Protein backbone atom coordinates (compact mmCIF):
# COMPACT_ATOMS: atom_id res chain seq x y z
CA UNK A 1 -2.10 -14.93 45.28
CA UNK A 2 0.56 -15.09 42.41
CA UNK A 3 -1.76 -17.54 40.49
CA UNK A 4 -4.23 -14.95 40.28
CA UNK A 5 -1.87 -12.22 38.67
CA UNK A 6 -0.37 -14.67 36.48
CA UNK A 7 -3.49 -15.25 34.22
CA UNK A 8 -4.63 -11.88 33.65
CA UNK A 9 -0.95 -10.39 33.07
CA UNK A 10 -1.13 -13.15 29.90
CA UNK A 11 -4.40 -12.01 28.78
CA UNK A 12 -3.20 -7.95 28.67
CA UNK A 13 -0.29 -9.30 25.99
CA UNK A 14 -2.50 -10.65 23.46
CA UNK A 15 -2.55 -8.78 20.43
CA UNK A 16 -5.02 -9.08 17.62
CA UNK A 17 -2.85 -12.36 16.30
CA UNK A 18 -4.19 -14.17 19.01
CA UNK A 19 -7.63 -14.72 18.10
CA UNK A 20 -8.64 -16.82 15.91
CA UNK A 21 -12.43 -16.92 15.41
CA UNK A 22 -14.13 -19.97 14.39
CA UNK A 23 -15.90 -18.35 11.28
CA UNK A 24 -13.94 -15.65 9.67
CA UNK A 25 -15.61 -12.24 9.56
CA UNK A 26 -16.72 -10.75 6.73
CA UNK A 27 -14.94 -8.15 4.83
CA UNK A 28 -15.43 -4.46 6.96
CA UNK A 29 -17.51 -2.68 3.88
CA UNK A 30 -16.81 0.85 5.34
CA UNK A 31 -13.11 0.00 5.53
CA UNK A 32 -13.48 -1.17 1.85
CA UNK A 33 -15.33 2.16 0.42
CA UNK A 34 -12.42 3.87 2.11
CA UNK A 35 -9.74 2.08 1.14
CA UNK A 36 -11.34 2.70 -2.37
CA UNK A 37 -12.23 5.98 -2.60
CA UNK A 38 -8.35 6.93 -1.14
CA UNK A 39 -6.32 4.47 -4.13
CA UNK A 40 -8.24 6.50 -6.90
CA UNK A 41 -5.19 8.76 -6.39
CA UNK A 42 -3.29 6.10 -7.98
CA UNK A 43 -5.13 6.11 -10.97
CA UNK A 44 -3.11 9.38 -11.55
CA UNK A 45 0.16 7.92 -11.62
CA UNK A 46 -1.03 4.34 -13.71
CA UNK A 47 -3.45 6.46 -16.26
CA UNK A 48 0.05 8.84 -17.20
CA UNK A 49 1.96 5.89 -17.61
CA UNK A 50 0.18 4.16 -19.96
CA UNK A 51 -0.79 7.24 -22.05
CA UNK A 52 2.43 8.01 -22.33
CA UNK A 53 3.31 5.17 -23.69
CA UNK A 54 1.24 5.66 -26.85
CA UNK A 55 1.00 9.61 -26.91
CA UNK A 56 4.89 9.89 -27.01
CA UNK A 57 4.77 8.58 -30.69
CA UNK A 58 2.58 11.60 -31.96
CA UNK A 59 4.24 13.92 -29.60
CA UNK A 60 7.65 12.94 -31.23
CA UNK A 61 5.96 13.46 -34.83
CA UNK A 62 4.01 16.69 -33.92
CA UNK A 63 6.93 18.49 -31.83
CA UNK A 64 9.59 16.78 -33.58
CA UNK A 65 11.69 16.04 -30.82
CA UNK A 66 14.16 13.36 -30.56
CA UNK A 67 14.88 10.28 -29.01
CA UNK A 68 16.46 11.70 -26.03
CA UNK A 69 14.15 14.53 -25.50
CA UNK A 70 10.93 11.81 -25.88
CA UNK A 71 12.75 9.46 -23.41
CA UNK A 72 13.29 12.75 -20.87
CA UNK A 73 9.36 14.14 -21.29
CA UNK A 74 8.68 10.18 -20.91
CA UNK A 75 10.39 9.90 -17.63
CA UNK A 76 11.07 12.78 -16.73
CA UNK A 77 7.41 12.89 -14.05
CA UNK A 78 8.84 10.39 -12.08
CA UNK A 79 11.80 12.86 -10.76
CA UNK A 80 9.14 15.96 -10.65
CA UNK A 81 7.58 13.17 -8.01
CA UNK A 82 10.35 13.74 -5.25
CA UNK A 83 8.71 17.18 -4.96
CA UNK A 84 5.19 16.05 -4.16
CA UNK A 85 6.46 12.63 -1.64
CA UNK A 86 8.85 14.68 0.39
CA UNK A 87 6.14 17.56 1.04
CA UNK A 88 3.96 15.28 1.27
CA UNK A 89 4.63 13.73 4.59
CA UNK A 90 5.16 17.08 6.04
CA UNK A 91 1.81 18.00 4.85
CA UNK A 92 -0.17 14.77 5.73
CA UNK A 93 1.15 15.00 9.04
CA UNK A 94 0.26 18.90 9.60
CA UNK A 95 -3.71 19.06 7.65
CA UNK A 96 -4.24 15.45 7.66
CA UNK A 97 -4.02 12.25 5.78
CA UNK A 98 -7.94 12.89 3.97
CA UNK A 99 -7.31 16.76 3.23
CA UNK A 100 -3.91 15.82 1.85
CA UNK A 101 -5.62 13.47 -0.87
CA UNK A 102 -7.68 16.54 -1.68
CA UNK A 103 -4.46 18.57 -2.52
CA UNK A 104 -2.93 15.84 -4.37
CA UNK A 105 -6.05 15.77 -6.88
CA UNK A 106 -6.12 19.34 -7.08
CA UNK A 107 -1.87 19.75 -8.29
CA UNK A 108 -2.68 16.81 -11.00
CA UNK A 109 -5.59 18.30 -11.96
CA UNK A 110 -3.77 21.43 -13.01
CA UNK A 111 -1.16 19.62 -14.07
CA UNK A 112 -3.56 17.48 -16.71
CA UNK A 113 -4.76 20.65 -18.01
CA UNK A 114 -1.56 22.14 -18.85
CA UNK A 115 -0.09 19.28 -20.43
CA UNK A 116 -2.99 18.85 -22.77
CA UNK A 117 -3.04 22.68 -23.59
CA UNK A 118 1.02 22.52 -24.31
CA UNK A 119 2.02 24.21 -27.72
CA UNK A 120 5.75 23.31 -27.44
CA UNK A 121 8.40 21.12 -25.35
CA UNK A 122 8.73 23.32 -23.12
CA UNK A 123 4.78 24.30 -21.98
CA UNK A 124 5.11 20.32 -22.12
CA UNK A 125 7.71 20.10 -18.98
CA UNK A 126 6.21 22.82 -17.20
CA UNK A 127 2.78 20.63 -17.13
CA UNK A 128 5.04 17.60 -16.43
CA UNK A 129 6.08 19.36 -13.52
CA UNK A 130 3.28 20.32 -12.18
CA UNK A 131 1.22 16.80 -12.77
CA UNK A 132 4.20 15.11 -11.23
CA UNK A 133 3.80 17.01 -7.79
CA UNK A 134 0.68 15.74 -7.65
CA UNK A 135 1.83 12.37 -7.84
CA UNK A 136 3.94 11.86 -5.87
CA UNK A 137 1.35 13.25 -3.31
CA UNK A 138 -0.71 10.88 -4.67
CA UNK A 139 1.62 8.05 -4.13
CA UNK A 140 2.42 8.39 -1.17
CA UNK A 141 -0.87 8.82 0.47
CA UNK A 142 -2.91 6.39 -0.53
CA UNK A 143 -1.16 3.10 1.16
CA UNK A 144 -0.64 4.96 4.55
CA UNK A 145 -4.12 5.62 4.67
CA UNK A 146 -5.23 2.50 3.53
CA UNK A 147 -3.21 0.80 6.02
CA UNK A 148 -4.01 3.28 9.16
CA UNK A 149 -7.71 2.83 9.04
CA UNK A 150 -7.43 -0.84 7.95
CA UNK A 151 -8.70 -3.69 10.47
CA UNK A 152 -5.78 -6.39 10.54
CA UNK A 153 -8.03 -8.99 8.89
CA UNK A 154 -7.94 -7.36 5.42
CA UNK A 155 -4.80 -4.80 5.28
CA UNK A 156 -2.96 -6.79 3.38
CA UNK A 157 -6.05 -6.64 0.74
CA UNK A 158 -7.13 -3.09 1.28
CA UNK A 159 -3.21 -1.92 1.58
CA UNK A 160 -2.97 -3.39 -2.34
CA UNK A 161 -5.85 -1.09 -3.94
CA UNK A 162 -3.33 1.16 -4.71
CA UNK A 163 -1.08 -0.98 -6.94
CA UNK A 164 -5.08 -2.15 -8.28
CA UNK A 165 -5.80 1.16 -9.31
CA UNK A 166 -2.17 2.21 -10.64
CA UNK A 167 -3.19 -0.70 -13.15
CA UNK A 168 -6.18 0.19 -13.73
CA UNK A 169 -4.85 3.57 -14.90
CA UNK A 170 -2.62 2.25 -16.99
CA UNK A 171 -5.05 -0.09 -18.85
CA UNK A 172 -7.49 3.23 -19.16
CA UNK A 173 -4.07 5.18 -20.82
CA UNK A 174 -4.02 2.28 -23.07
CA UNK A 175 -7.08 2.90 -24.15
CA UNK A 176 -7.29 6.47 -24.18
CA UNK A 177 -4.04 5.90 -26.82
CA UNK A 178 -6.49 3.68 -29.19
CA UNK A 179 -9.20 6.06 -28.80
CA UNK A 180 -8.17 8.77 -29.51
CA UNK A 181 -4.98 8.01 -32.07
CA UNK A 182 -7.78 7.96 -35.07
CA UNK A 183 -7.41 12.01 -34.83
CA UNK A 184 -5.37 14.29 -36.05
CA UNK A 185 -1.72 14.38 -34.90
CA UNK A 186 -2.13 17.36 -33.25
CA UNK A 187 -5.39 17.36 -31.19
CA UNK A 188 -4.80 13.14 -30.54
CA UNK A 189 -1.95 13.34 -28.43
CA UNK A 190 -3.18 16.43 -26.57
CA UNK A 191 -7.03 14.71 -25.71
CA UNK A 192 -4.67 11.79 -24.01
CA UNK A 193 -3.02 13.73 -21.72
CA UNK A 194 -6.39 16.63 -20.96
CA UNK A 195 -8.39 13.80 -19.43
CA UNK A 196 -6.54 12.67 -16.91
CA UNK A 197 -7.81 15.98 -15.61
CA UNK A 198 -11.11 14.16 -15.22
CA UNK A 199 -10.05 11.39 -12.28
CA UNK A 200 -9.15 13.76 -10.14
CA UNK A 201 -12.48 15.72 -10.42
CA UNK A 202 -14.22 12.30 -9.01
CA UNK A 203 -11.29 11.75 -6.10
CA UNK A 204 -11.74 15.39 -4.67
CA UNK A 205 -15.87 14.75 -4.55
CA UNK A 206 -15.60 11.20 -2.77
CA UNK A 207 -12.64 12.53 -0.44
CA UNK A 208 -16.08 14.05 1.50
CA UNK A 209 -17.30 11.25 2.03
CA UNK A 210 -14.27 9.43 4.19
CA UNK A 211 -13.44 9.90 7.69
CA UNK A 212 -10.00 11.32 9.04
CA UNK A 213 -7.27 8.44 9.40
CA UNK A 214 -7.80 7.19 13.13
CA UNK A 215 -4.29 7.06 13.58
CA UNK A 216 -3.83 10.91 12.35
CA UNK A 217 -6.62 11.58 14.87
CA UNK A 218 -4.80 10.43 17.85
CA UNK A 219 -1.57 11.87 17.07
CA UNK A 220 -3.77 15.15 17.35
CA UNK A 221 -5.31 14.20 20.75
CA UNK A 222 -8.83 13.54 19.03
CA UNK A 223 -9.58 10.29 20.78
CA UNK A 224 -13.04 10.48 20.46
CA UNK A 225 -13.57 10.66 16.61
CA UNK A 226 -10.70 8.38 16.34
CA UNK A 227 -12.74 5.88 18.50
CA UNK A 228 -15.80 6.45 15.99
CA UNK A 229 -13.72 5.84 13.48
CA UNK A 230 -12.48 2.55 14.74
CA UNK A 231 -15.84 1.49 15.72
CA UNK A 232 -16.69 2.05 11.72
CA UNK A 233 -13.46 0.21 10.41
CA UNK A 234 -12.80 -2.96 12.43
CA UNK A 235 -14.34 -6.13 12.40
CA UNK A 236 -15.11 -6.20 16.18
CA UNK A 237 -16.09 -3.60 19.09
CA UNK A 238 -13.31 -5.84 20.77
CA UNK A 239 -10.99 -4.84 17.95
CA UNK A 240 -11.37 -1.23 17.72
CA UNK A 241 -10.47 -1.05 21.43
CA UNK A 242 -7.77 -3.15 21.02
CA UNK A 243 -6.67 -0.74 17.84
CA UNK A 244 -6.89 2.14 19.83
CA UNK A 245 -5.24 0.80 22.67
CA UNK A 246 -2.26 0.23 20.45
CA UNK A 247 -2.30 3.42 18.69
CA UNK A 248 -2.51 5.13 22.34
CA UNK A 249 0.49 3.65 23.40
CA UNK A 250 2.72 4.33 19.79
CA UNK A 251 1.26 7.73 20.67
CA UNK A 252 2.77 8.21 24.42
CA UNK A 253 -1.13 8.93 25.78
CA UNK A 254 -2.10 7.01 29.25
CA UNK A 255 -3.95 3.92 29.06
CA UNK A 256 -6.29 5.06 31.56
CA UNK A 257 -7.17 8.43 29.65
CA UNK A 258 -10.86 8.49 27.98
CA UNK A 259 -11.19 12.11 27.26
CA UNK A 260 -12.65 12.78 24.37
CA UNK A 261 -10.09 15.49 23.89
CA UNK A 262 -6.14 14.98 24.93
CA UNK A 263 -2.95 16.97 25.32
CA UNK A 264 -0.51 15.51 23.09
CA UNK A 265 3.31 16.24 23.31
CA UNK A 266 3.58 17.83 19.27
CA UNK A 267 6.96 17.93 17.37
CA UNK A 268 7.01 20.87 14.54
CA UNK A 269 5.50 18.56 12.32
CA UNK A 270 8.80 15.96 11.81
CA UNK A 271 11.00 17.57 13.71
CA UNK A 272 13.21 14.96 15.25
CA UNK A 273 11.66 11.95 12.69
CA UNK A 274 14.10 12.41 10.23
CA UNK A 275 17.02 12.71 12.83
CA UNK A 276 15.59 9.41 14.08
CA UNK A 277 15.21 7.77 10.79
CA UNK A 278 18.54 9.20 9.31
CA UNK A 279 20.79 10.23 11.94
CA UNK A 280 20.24 8.11 14.90
CA UNK A 281 17.80 4.85 13.88
CA UNK A 282 18.00 2.14 16.47
CA UNK A 283 18.61 -1.18 14.61
CA UNK A 284 14.70 -1.93 14.08
CA UNK A 285 13.90 1.49 12.56
CA UNK A 286 17.63 0.62 10.14
CA UNK A 287 16.30 -2.25 9.56
CA UNK A 288 13.19 -1.65 8.71
CA UNK A 289 14.56 1.68 6.47
CA UNK A 290 15.99 -0.86 4.42
CA UNK A 291 13.88 -3.17 3.79
CA UNK A 292 11.82 0.13 3.11
CA UNK A 293 13.70 1.26 0.44
CA UNK A 294 15.23 -1.49 -0.95
CA UNK A 295 11.72 -3.10 -1.91
CA UNK A 296 10.63 0.37 -3.85
CA UNK A 297 13.91 0.49 -5.36
CA UNK A 298 13.98 -3.39 -6.96
CA UNK A 299 10.09 -2.87 -7.54
CA UNK A 300 11.50 -0.63 -10.29
CA UNK A 301 14.98 -1.72 -11.25
CA UNK A 302 13.72 -4.63 -12.58
CA UNK A 303 11.94 -3.12 -15.32
CA UNK A 304 8.57 -2.87 -14.89
CA UNK A 305 8.41 1.02 -15.74
CA UNK A 306 10.75 -0.22 -19.71
CA UNK A 307 7.80 -2.65 -20.09
CA UNK A 308 5.02 -0.37 -19.50
CA UNK A 309 6.21 2.87 -21.12
CA UNK A 310 8.32 1.37 -24.07
CA UNK A 311 5.84 -1.44 -24.68
CA UNK A 312 5.08 0.06 -28.27
CA UNK A 313 8.79 0.57 -28.99
CA UNK A 314 9.12 -3.74 -27.81
CA UNK A 315 6.56 -4.64 -29.89
CA UNK A 316 8.38 -2.69 -33.01
CA UNK A 317 11.55 -4.81 -32.07
CA UNK A 318 9.80 -7.67 -32.19
CA UNK A 319 8.05 -7.09 -35.23
CA UNK A 320 4.74 -5.47 -35.33
CA UNK A 321 5.24 -1.83 -37.02
CA UNK A 322 1.41 -0.84 -37.80
CA UNK A 323 0.36 1.90 -35.14
CA UNK A 324 -2.87 0.21 -34.60
CA UNK A 325 -1.10 -3.20 -34.04
CA UNK A 326 1.52 -1.92 -31.77
CA UNK A 327 -1.38 -0.20 -29.18
CA UNK A 328 -4.16 -2.77 -29.49
CA UNK A 329 -0.21 -5.47 -28.18
CA UNK A 330 -0.01 -2.90 -25.20
CA UNK A 331 -3.95 -2.61 -24.37
CA UNK A 332 -3.19 -6.79 -23.73
CA UNK A 333 -0.42 -5.96 -21.52
CA UNK A 334 -2.66 -3.75 -19.52
CA UNK A 335 -5.41 -5.90 -19.88
CA UNK A 336 -3.43 -8.84 -18.42
CA UNK A 337 -1.20 -7.03 -15.73
CA UNK A 338 -4.53 -5.75 -14.41
CA UNK A 339 -6.53 -9.16 -13.87
CA UNK A 340 -3.65 -10.58 -12.14
CA UNK A 341 -3.39 -7.75 -9.36
CA UNK A 342 -6.58 -8.05 -8.95
CA UNK A 343 -5.93 -11.91 -8.37
CA UNK A 344 -3.21 -10.97 -5.79
CA UNK A 345 -5.14 -8.90 -4.00
CA UNK A 346 -7.44 -11.92 -2.44
CA UNK A 347 -4.02 -13.71 -1.95
CA UNK A 348 -2.28 -11.58 0.13
CA UNK A 349 -3.86 -11.84 3.30
CA UNK A 350 -4.25 -16.01 2.70
CA UNK A 351 -0.79 -16.89 1.64
CA UNK A 352 1.29 -13.93 2.94
CA UNK A 353 3.35 -11.31 1.79
CA UNK A 354 7.11 -13.31 2.03
CA UNK A 355 5.24 -16.20 -0.27
CA UNK A 356 4.15 -14.32 -2.87
CA UNK A 357 7.12 -12.22 -3.46
CA UNK A 358 9.34 -14.36 -3.52
CA UNK A 359 7.24 -16.56 -6.26
CA UNK A 360 6.70 -13.44 -8.02
CA UNK A 361 10.71 -12.31 -7.83
CA UNK A 362 11.74 -15.46 -8.93
CA UNK A 363 9.31 -15.85 -12.25
CA UNK A 364 10.19 -12.79 -12.68
CA UNK A 365 14.20 -13.77 -13.49
CA UNK A 366 12.88 -16.43 -15.57
CA UNK A 367 10.60 -14.03 -17.93
CA UNK A 368 13.24 -11.58 -18.28
CA UNK A 369 15.99 -13.71 -19.18
CA UNK A 370 13.65 -15.93 -21.78
CA UNK A 371 12.67 -12.20 -22.86
CA UNK A 372 16.30 -11.22 -23.09
CA UNK A 373 17.19 -14.23 -25.18
CA UNK A 374 14.11 -13.94 -27.38
CA UNK A 375 14.80 -10.19 -28.48
CA UNK A 376 18.70 -11.48 -28.90
CA UNK A 377 17.65 -14.22 -31.55
CA UNK A 378 15.67 -11.92 -33.15
CA UNK A 379 17.84 -8.90 -32.86
CA UNK A 380 20.76 -11.18 -35.19
CA UNK A 381 18.08 -12.72 -37.39
CA UNK A 382 17.71 -11.40 -40.89
CA UNK A 383 14.51 -13.51 -41.24
CA UNK A 384 11.51 -13.74 -39.49
CA UNK A 385 12.26 -15.56 -36.38
CA UNK A 386 8.26 -17.09 -35.68
CA UNK A 387 9.03 -18.60 -32.35
CA UNK A 388 10.97 -16.42 -31.19
CA UNK A 389 8.59 -13.22 -31.49
CA UNK A 390 6.00 -15.86 -30.08
CA UNK A 391 8.24 -16.60 -26.90
CA UNK A 392 8.89 -13.34 -26.31
CA UNK A 393 5.20 -11.53 -26.94
CA UNK A 394 4.45 -14.62 -24.00
CA UNK A 395 7.24 -13.37 -21.90
CA UNK A 396 5.93 -9.71 -21.90
CA UNK A 397 2.70 -10.74 -20.71
CA UNK A 398 4.52 -13.34 -18.45
CA UNK A 399 6.73 -10.89 -16.81
CA UNK A 400 3.41 -7.94 -16.23
CA UNK A 401 1.95 -11.09 -14.90
CA UNK A 402 3.65 -12.29 -12.20
CA UNK A 403 5.02 -8.83 -10.85
CA UNK A 404 1.34 -7.83 -10.72
CA UNK A 405 0.84 -11.06 -8.51
CA UNK A 406 3.71 -10.54 -5.83
CA UNK A 407 6.26 -7.57 -6.29
CA UNK A 408 3.78 -4.62 -7.95
CA UNK A 409 1.44 -4.78 -4.68
CA UNK A 410 3.33 -5.85 -1.89
CA UNK A 411 5.71 -3.13 -2.27
CA UNK A 412 3.04 -1.05 -1.24
CA UNK A 413 1.36 -2.76 1.09
CA UNK A 414 5.00 -3.73 3.15
CA UNK A 415 6.42 -0.99 3.05
CA UNK A 416 2.99 1.15 4.22
CA UNK A 417 2.85 -1.51 7.31
CA UNK A 418 6.65 -2.15 8.37
CA UNK A 419 7.15 1.59 9.58
CA UNK A 420 6.18 2.69 13.51
CA UNK A 421 3.58 5.26 13.71
CA UNK A 422 5.92 8.23 14.85
CA UNK A 423 8.17 7.30 11.17
CA UNK A 424 5.31 6.21 8.79
CA UNK A 425 4.53 9.35 7.12
CA UNK A 426 8.45 10.21 6.41
CA UNK A 427 9.31 6.56 5.78
CA UNK A 428 6.53 6.25 3.01
CA UNK A 429 7.54 9.15 1.75
CA UNK A 430 11.09 7.85 1.25
CA UNK A 431 9.97 4.95 -0.12
CA UNK A 432 7.93 6.56 -2.96
CA UNK A 433 10.92 9.24 -3.57
CA UNK A 434 13.26 6.06 -4.03
CA UNK A 435 10.87 3.87 -6.08
CA UNK A 436 10.54 7.70 -8.38
CA UNK A 437 13.54 8.19 -8.79
CA UNK A 438 14.40 4.72 -9.85
CA UNK A 439 11.56 4.95 -12.08
CA UNK A 440 13.00 8.08 -13.45
CA UNK A 441 16.72 6.56 -14.35
CA UNK A 442 14.95 3.47 -16.08
CA UNK A 443 12.56 4.97 -17.81
CA UNK A 444 14.44 8.21 -18.91
CA UNK A 445 17.79 5.95 -20.25
CA UNK A 446 16.01 2.58 -21.71
CA UNK A 447 15.98 3.97 -25.18
CA UNK A 448 19.73 5.00 -25.05
CA UNK A 449 20.60 1.90 -22.83
CA UNK A 450 19.26 -0.35 -25.41
CA UNK A 451 20.94 1.32 -28.02
CA UNK A 452 24.30 0.79 -26.11
CA UNK A 453 23.74 -2.73 -25.01
CA UNK A 454 20.97 -3.92 -27.51
CA UNK A 455 17.76 -4.51 -26.66
CA UNK A 456 18.20 -8.20 -25.55
CA UNK A 457 21.44 -7.01 -23.27
CA UNK A 458 18.98 -4.36 -21.36
CA UNK A 459 16.26 -7.11 -20.04
CA UNK A 460 19.05 -9.81 -19.55
CA UNK A 461 20.64 -6.48 -16.92
CA UNK A 462 16.99 -6.03 -15.38
CA UNK A 463 16.79 -9.97 -15.09
CA UNK A 464 20.32 -9.80 -13.21
CA UNK A 465 19.00 -6.80 -11.03
CA UNK A 466 16.21 -9.32 -9.92
CA UNK A 467 18.36 -12.24 -8.87
CA UNK A 468 20.16 -9.73 -6.49
CA UNK A 469 16.51 -8.63 -5.19
CA UNK A 470 15.88 -12.14 -4.65
CA UNK A 471 18.84 -12.76 -2.47
CA UNK A 472 18.12 -9.55 -0.75
CA UNK A 473 14.36 -10.46 0.22
CA UNK A 474 14.91 -14.14 1.19
CA UNK A 475 17.74 -13.14 3.64
CA UNK A 476 16.31 -9.87 4.58
CA UNK A 477 12.47 -10.10 5.00
CA UNK A 478 9.85 -10.86 7.27
CA UNK A 479 6.70 -12.45 7.31
CA UNK A 480 4.10 -9.39 8.25
CA UNK A 481 0.86 -11.37 7.77
CA UNK A 482 -1.45 -11.13 10.63
CA UNK A 483 0.89 -8.43 12.72
CA UNK A 484 -0.65 -5.07 14.05
CA UNK A 485 1.23 -2.40 13.01
CA UNK A 486 2.06 -1.63 16.04
CA UNK A 487 3.75 -4.60 16.94
CA UNK A 488 5.81 -4.72 13.41
CA UNK A 489 8.76 -3.20 15.19
CA UNK A 490 9.46 -6.49 16.67
CA UNK A 491 9.85 -8.27 13.73
CA UNK A 492 13.13 -6.13 12.86
CA UNK A 493 16.27 -5.40 14.06
CA UNK A 494 18.43 -8.55 13.14
CA UNK A 495 18.27 -8.86 9.77
CA UNK A 496 19.06 -11.82 9.02
CA UNK A 497 18.32 -13.13 12.08
CA UNK A 498 14.71 -12.43 12.11
CA UNK A 499 13.79 -15.96 11.80
CA UNK A 500 14.79 -16.36 15.31
CA UNK A 501 12.41 -13.70 16.34
CA UNK A 502 9.82 -14.54 14.56
CA UNK A 503 10.03 -18.11 16.06
CA UNK A 504 9.61 -16.71 19.73
CA UNK A 505 7.01 -14.49 18.99
CA UNK A 506 4.71 -17.96 17.59
CA UNK A 507 5.75 -19.87 20.52
CA UNK A 508 4.35 -17.13 22.59
CA UNK A 509 1.35 -16.86 20.94
CA UNK A 510 0.54 -20.59 20.77
CA UNK A 511 1.22 -21.11 24.58
CA UNK A 512 -0.94 -18.08 25.23
CA UNK A 513 -3.74 -20.06 23.49
CA UNK A 514 -3.05 -22.62 25.10
CA UNK A 515 -3.58 -21.62 28.13
CA UNK A 516 -6.25 -19.31 27.77
CA UNK A 517 -7.66 -22.51 26.08
CA UNK A 518 -6.66 -24.29 28.96
CA UNK A 519 -7.54 -22.28 31.63
CA UNK A 520 -11.23 -21.82 29.93
CA UNK A 521 -11.66 -18.29 31.14
CA UNK A 522 -11.58 -16.74 27.63
CA UNK A 523 -14.13 -17.86 25.37
CA UNK A 524 -12.27 -16.85 22.47
CA UNK A 525 -13.07 -13.20 23.55
CA UNK A 526 -10.58 -10.17 23.75
CA UNK A 527 -9.76 -9.83 27.41
CA UNK A 528 -9.16 -5.88 27.83
CA UNK A 529 -8.53 -3.93 30.79
CA UNK A 530 -8.86 -6.72 33.21
CA UNK A 531 -4.90 -6.68 35.08
CA UNK A 532 -5.58 -8.09 38.64
CA UNK A 533 -3.21 -6.79 41.88
CA UNK A 534 -3.45 -8.07 44.75
């Protein structure tokens, strides 16, 4: 009798990671399309970052503003994002992920038009405020929706799409700078900023073809709709059933409930969630929160926005003085950044998050240190130092490449998948808030910083911060590749002791696979609901 009850119990404890089919399934095309449409929201931020790097040159000339005003109007959008990202978590739980994306596009559309028609500095700041709210919405909702709709086999690939589109937006912004730089000064920068409204129109149309997040549908008790979405976005029907089972468990819905619509005990759109996240977190939630905040902080504190936003000024320090040449050099930065983010999307689910993250941040430390050295040599020389100029340009391109192949996409992938379902929207909004505040501080102070400690000293400082990040990531960040979203919490809780938990989980899965192979009952298929009671 005991022997009859042991095997099914093990089968019921299986997770998606336990099943390794002989042939790797093709990527789910429907999930792929949903991820692309959701990630289009990230173009809004990317375009604004890219276009402001060049537009600010002409804004300064036209509006006669100081360097301090220039760095404020350049970086202030990141702080305005706070309003949007903080509101987006609650609103997405209220109206759904899909309609939150529409809200993001509509707000940015208005902001882009306001910036394009700005007549003075104050008017421009109003436009930046409105656009910032839209970007905050977009940054929070894109990775959350994509993570929730993606099958585990390609979640890293698909969840990296927001970062891909941020980089695509940056490149478009750089190209826009160069294209409109030939126009009159007062017209050129307004067109640069105003055409940013165009992507938001395509976004609003594209959302109509997207389904709602299956996890949000389950939280609303709409199990029938959630099952239909999961059937379309999973690699197999068995995986869809297992994903639905996991989500129902996380939402507190009995596994034997098969009604299309059920009553779910609801909180008041986030009531209690903030308390669990910030005031009374469990050890696992505290670990997840620190990792989520930490990766967003170090992504920006290592200086990426200083390079992307102020690359024309950096190239000017190197010795490139022509506006055309500076803008073309920034296009090269955007091109390299976009190419390497595309490479990263194909490596995330093959190599894993942790190896890519660590190799990326170590390379960033080396490139930032070398960049600081070469800029220092150029700054202290009265003659043109060709080797230092070449080294400087090479290190700028190397830095953005190394950032894009690891630190850039993994920040969004990792932070969107580690939070438990009940905390995911608010946890993601906290991460975005930290990301944008840090970015805002860097972008609003970089000119003042390099005037105070030299431009070479500024990059030495970024290299020091990246070194601290390397130690933090190595110590506290477990690998999440191949784990379902609902089992992530089991990996967290012991900070530096996570390796023991990961080893136990791996051994348990190995034992389960060997048992099933020796027993010969599973035949490589997912067994659901077969518990035998005698």
